[in-house]
Amino acid sequence: MPAGQGVVSALIGMGSNIDAEHNLLVAAAALRAAYGDVSFSSVYRSAAVGMEGPDFLNACCLLRTGRSQQSLRMHLKMLEDLQGRDRSVGGWHPRSIDLDVLIYDGEAVDEELYLYAHAYVPAAELVRMSLPEDRDGVVALVSLRL
């Protein structure tokens, strides 16, 4: 951990629409192995937004880390790569796993993510946050537990 860097909380959004149950479970195990005591939301199903493809399974996790925000983001991208995330087709395509930093040290990292049900519904289970008034997109709870 860099000098002066303390341990902070981070909220991570997780999503998959390729072999989704398997890929979320693998990602959850990798996050537990790397960060120890990690809290996970329920898993929700939502339609693919901005792309053709199967529905997504989505969840969020809350973890504590001594990594900087940039280092955490790079580590998450490495975990995606290990799970076969194909970036050659661009961002708006089905994916094995998507891991995004939503909140780092109490600050929202990407306000745009809160426009989508796949991000804000699971996140609301783990942290106190206000939900957008216009909730386009429908999510449904599924039985998978991480």
Protein backbone atom coordinates (compact mmCIF):
# COMPACT_ATOMS: atom_id res chain seq x y z
CA MET A 1 0.00 0.00 0.00
CA PRO A 2 1.41 3.44 -0.90
CA ALA A 3 2.57 5.67 1.94
CA GLY A 4 -0.31 7.66 3.35
CA GLN A 5 -2.91 5.48 1.65
CA GLY A 6 -5.45 4.10 4.14
CA VAL A 7 -7.94 1.32 3.79
CA VAL A 8 -11.16 2.48 2.10
CA SER A 9 -14.49 0.95 1.13
CA ALA A 10 -15.34 0.38 -2.50
CA LEU A 11 -18.62 -0.65 -4.09
CA ILE A 12 -18.14 -2.83 -7.17
CA GLY A 13 -20.80 -3.50 -9.80
CA MET A 14 -20.74 -7.00 -11.30
CA GLY A 15 -22.52 -8.19 -14.42
CA SER A 16 -22.48 -11.03 -16.93
CA ASN A 17 -24.63 -12.21 -19.82
CA ILE A 18 -22.42 -15.08 -21.03
CA ASP A 19 -22.68 -18.20 -18.81
CA ALA A 20 -23.74 -15.64 -16.23
CA GLU A 21 -24.26 -17.79 -13.12
CA HIS A 22 -20.88 -19.45 -13.51
CA ASN A 23 -19.05 -16.21 -14.25
CA LEU A 24 -20.56 -14.33 -11.31
CA LEU A 25 -19.62 -17.18 -8.95
CA VAL A 26 -16.04 -17.25 -10.29
CA ALA A 27 -15.75 -13.47 -9.93
CA ALA A 28 -17.14 -13.60 -6.38
CA ALA A 29 -14.57 -16.25 -5.42
CA ALA A 30 -11.74 -14.18 -6.94
CA LEU A 31 -12.88 -11.05 -5.08
CA ARG A 32 -13.08 -12.94 -1.78
CA ALA A 33 -9.60 -14.38 -2.37
CA ALA A 34 -8.15 -10.93 -3.09
CA TYR A 35 -10.04 -8.80 -0.55
CA GLY A 36 -11.15 -11.14 2.24
CA ASP A 37 -14.48 -10.28 3.83
CA VAL A 38 -16.61 -9.08 0.91
CA SER A 39 -20.37 -8.41 1.18
CA PHE A 40 -22.54 -9.25 -1.83
CA SER A 41 -25.98 -8.03 -2.81
CA SER A 42 -28.69 -10.27 -4.13
CA VAL A 43 -28.39 -11.19 -7.81
CA TYR A 44 -30.77 -9.51 -10.24
CA ARG A 45 -31.70 -10.18 -13.87
CA SER A 46 -32.05 -7.26 -16.24
CA ALA A 47 -32.32 -6.78 -19.99
CA ALA A 48 -29.16 -6.00 -21.94
CA VAL A 49 -29.01 -2.21 -22.32
CA GLY A 50 -27.54 -0.70 -25.50
CA MET A 51 -26.75 -4.08 -27.09
CA GLU A 52 -28.27 -7.22 -28.52
CA GLY A 53 -27.85 -10.25 -26.32
CA PRO A 54 -29.19 -12.30 -23.45
CA ASP A 55 -30.29 -10.75 -20.18
CA PHE A 56 -27.63 -9.85 -17.63
CA LEU A 57 -27.26 -11.20 -14.14
CA ASN A 58 -26.04 -8.34 -11.93
CA ALA A 59 -24.88 -7.90 -8.36
CA CYS A 60 -22.73 -5.56 -6.33
CA CYS A 61 -20.13 -6.17 -3.70
CA LEU A 62 -18.74 -4.00 -0.95
CA LEU A 63 -15.07 -4.51 -0.09
CA ARG A 64 -12.27 -2.80 1.78
CA THR A 65 -8.96 -2.15 0.10
CA GLY A 66 -5.68 -0.32 0.47
CA ARG A 67 -5.41 -0.01 -3.31
CA SER A 68 -5.79 3.35 -5.00
CA GLN A 69 -8.87 3.76 -7.17
CA GLN A 70 -6.75 3.36 -10.32
CA SER A 71 -5.00 0.26 -8.94
CA LEU A 72 -8.35 -1.26 -7.94
CA ARG A 73 -9.78 -0.59 -11.40
CA MET A 74 -6.73 -2.19 -13.03
CA HIS A 75 -7.02 -5.23 -10.76
CA LEU A 76 -10.70 -5.64 -11.69
CA LYS A 77 -9.84 -5.46 -15.40
CA MET A 78 -7.20 -8.16 -14.84
CA LEU A 79 -9.86 -10.35 -13.18
CA GLU A 80 -12.14 -9.75 -16.18
CA ASP A 81 -9.33 -10.79 -18.53
CA LEU A 82 -8.73 -13.98 -16.52
CA GLN A 83 -12.40 -14.83 -17.02
CA GLY A 84 -12.16 -14.40 -20.79
CA ARG A 85 -13.56 -10.90 -21.21
CA ASP A 86 -13.26 -10.14 -24.93
CA ARG A 87 -12.55 -6.44 -25.44
CA SER A 88 -11.79 -6.81 -29.15
CA VAL A 89 -15.47 -6.36 -30.04
CA GLY A 90 -15.90 -3.07 -28.16
CA GLY A 91 -17.83 -2.18 -25.06
CA TRP A 92 -21.45 -2.71 -26.06
CA HIS A 93 -21.43 -6.47 -26.56
CA PRO A 94 -22.23 -9.52 -24.42
CA ARG A 95 -19.53 -10.20 -21.84
CA SER A 96 -18.34 -12.98 -19.59
CA ILE A 97 -17.89 -10.56 -16.70
CA ASP A 98 -17.96 -6.82 -16.10
CA LEU A 99 -16.52 -5.41 -12.87
CA ASP A 100 -16.88 -1.66 -12.33
CA VAL A 101 -15.99 0.59 -9.43
CA LEU A 102 -19.23 2.43 -8.57
CA ILE A 103 -18.24 4.11 -5.31
CA TYR A 104 -14.73 4.56 -3.94
CA ASP A 105 -14.10 5.98 -0.47
CA GLY A 106 -17.65 7.33 -0.30
CA GLU A 107 -17.58 9.11 -3.66
CA ALA A 108 -19.56 8.04 -6.74
CA VAL A 109 -17.07 7.21 -9.48
CA ASP A 110 -19.40 7.20 -12.48
CA GLU A 111 -22.78 8.90 -12.07
CA GLU A 112 -23.90 7.56 -15.46
CA LEU A 113 -23.94 3.99 -14.14
CA TYR A 114 -26.79 4.96 -11.82
CA LEU A 115 -29.05 5.51 -14.82
CA TYR A 116 -29.29 1.76 -15.28
CA ALA A 117 -31.25 -0.59 -13.07
CA HIS A 118 -28.46 -3.16 -13.24
CA ALA A 119 -26.23 -0.81 -11.25
CA TYR A 120 -28.45 0.97 -8.78
CA VAL A 121 -30.83 -1.75 -7.59
CA PRO A 122 -28.14 -4.16 -6.27
CA ALA A 123 -26.04 -1.24 -5.02
CA ALA A 124 -28.88 0.07 -2.87
CA GLU A 125 -28.80 -3.17 -0.85
CA LEU A 126 -25.25 -2.51 0.31
CA VAL A 127 -24.93 1.24 0.75
CA ARG A 128 -27.24 4.11 1.56
CA MET A 129 -27.94 5.91 -1.69
CA SER A 130 -30.80 7.70 -3.38
CA LEU A 131 -32.20 6.01 -6.44
CA PRO A 132 -32.86 7.95 -9.64
CA GLU A 133 -36.45 9.10 -10.06
CA ASP A 134 -36.69 7.81 -13.63
CA ARG A 135 -35.97 4.09 -13.37
CA ASP A 136 -35.96 2.79 -16.94
CA GLY A 137 -35.32 -0.92 -17.06
CA VAL A 138 -36.86 -3.73 -15.09
CA VAL A 139 -34.93 -6.02 -12.79
CA ALA A 140 -36.01 -9.24 -11.12
CA LEU A 141 -34.41 -11.03 -8.20
CA VAL A 142 -32.96 -14.45 -9.03
CA SER A 143 -32.09 -17.28 -6.65
CA LEU A 144 -28.31 -17.29 -7.16
CA ARG A 145 -26.37 -16.26 -4.05
CA LEU A 146 -22.73 -15.20 -4.24
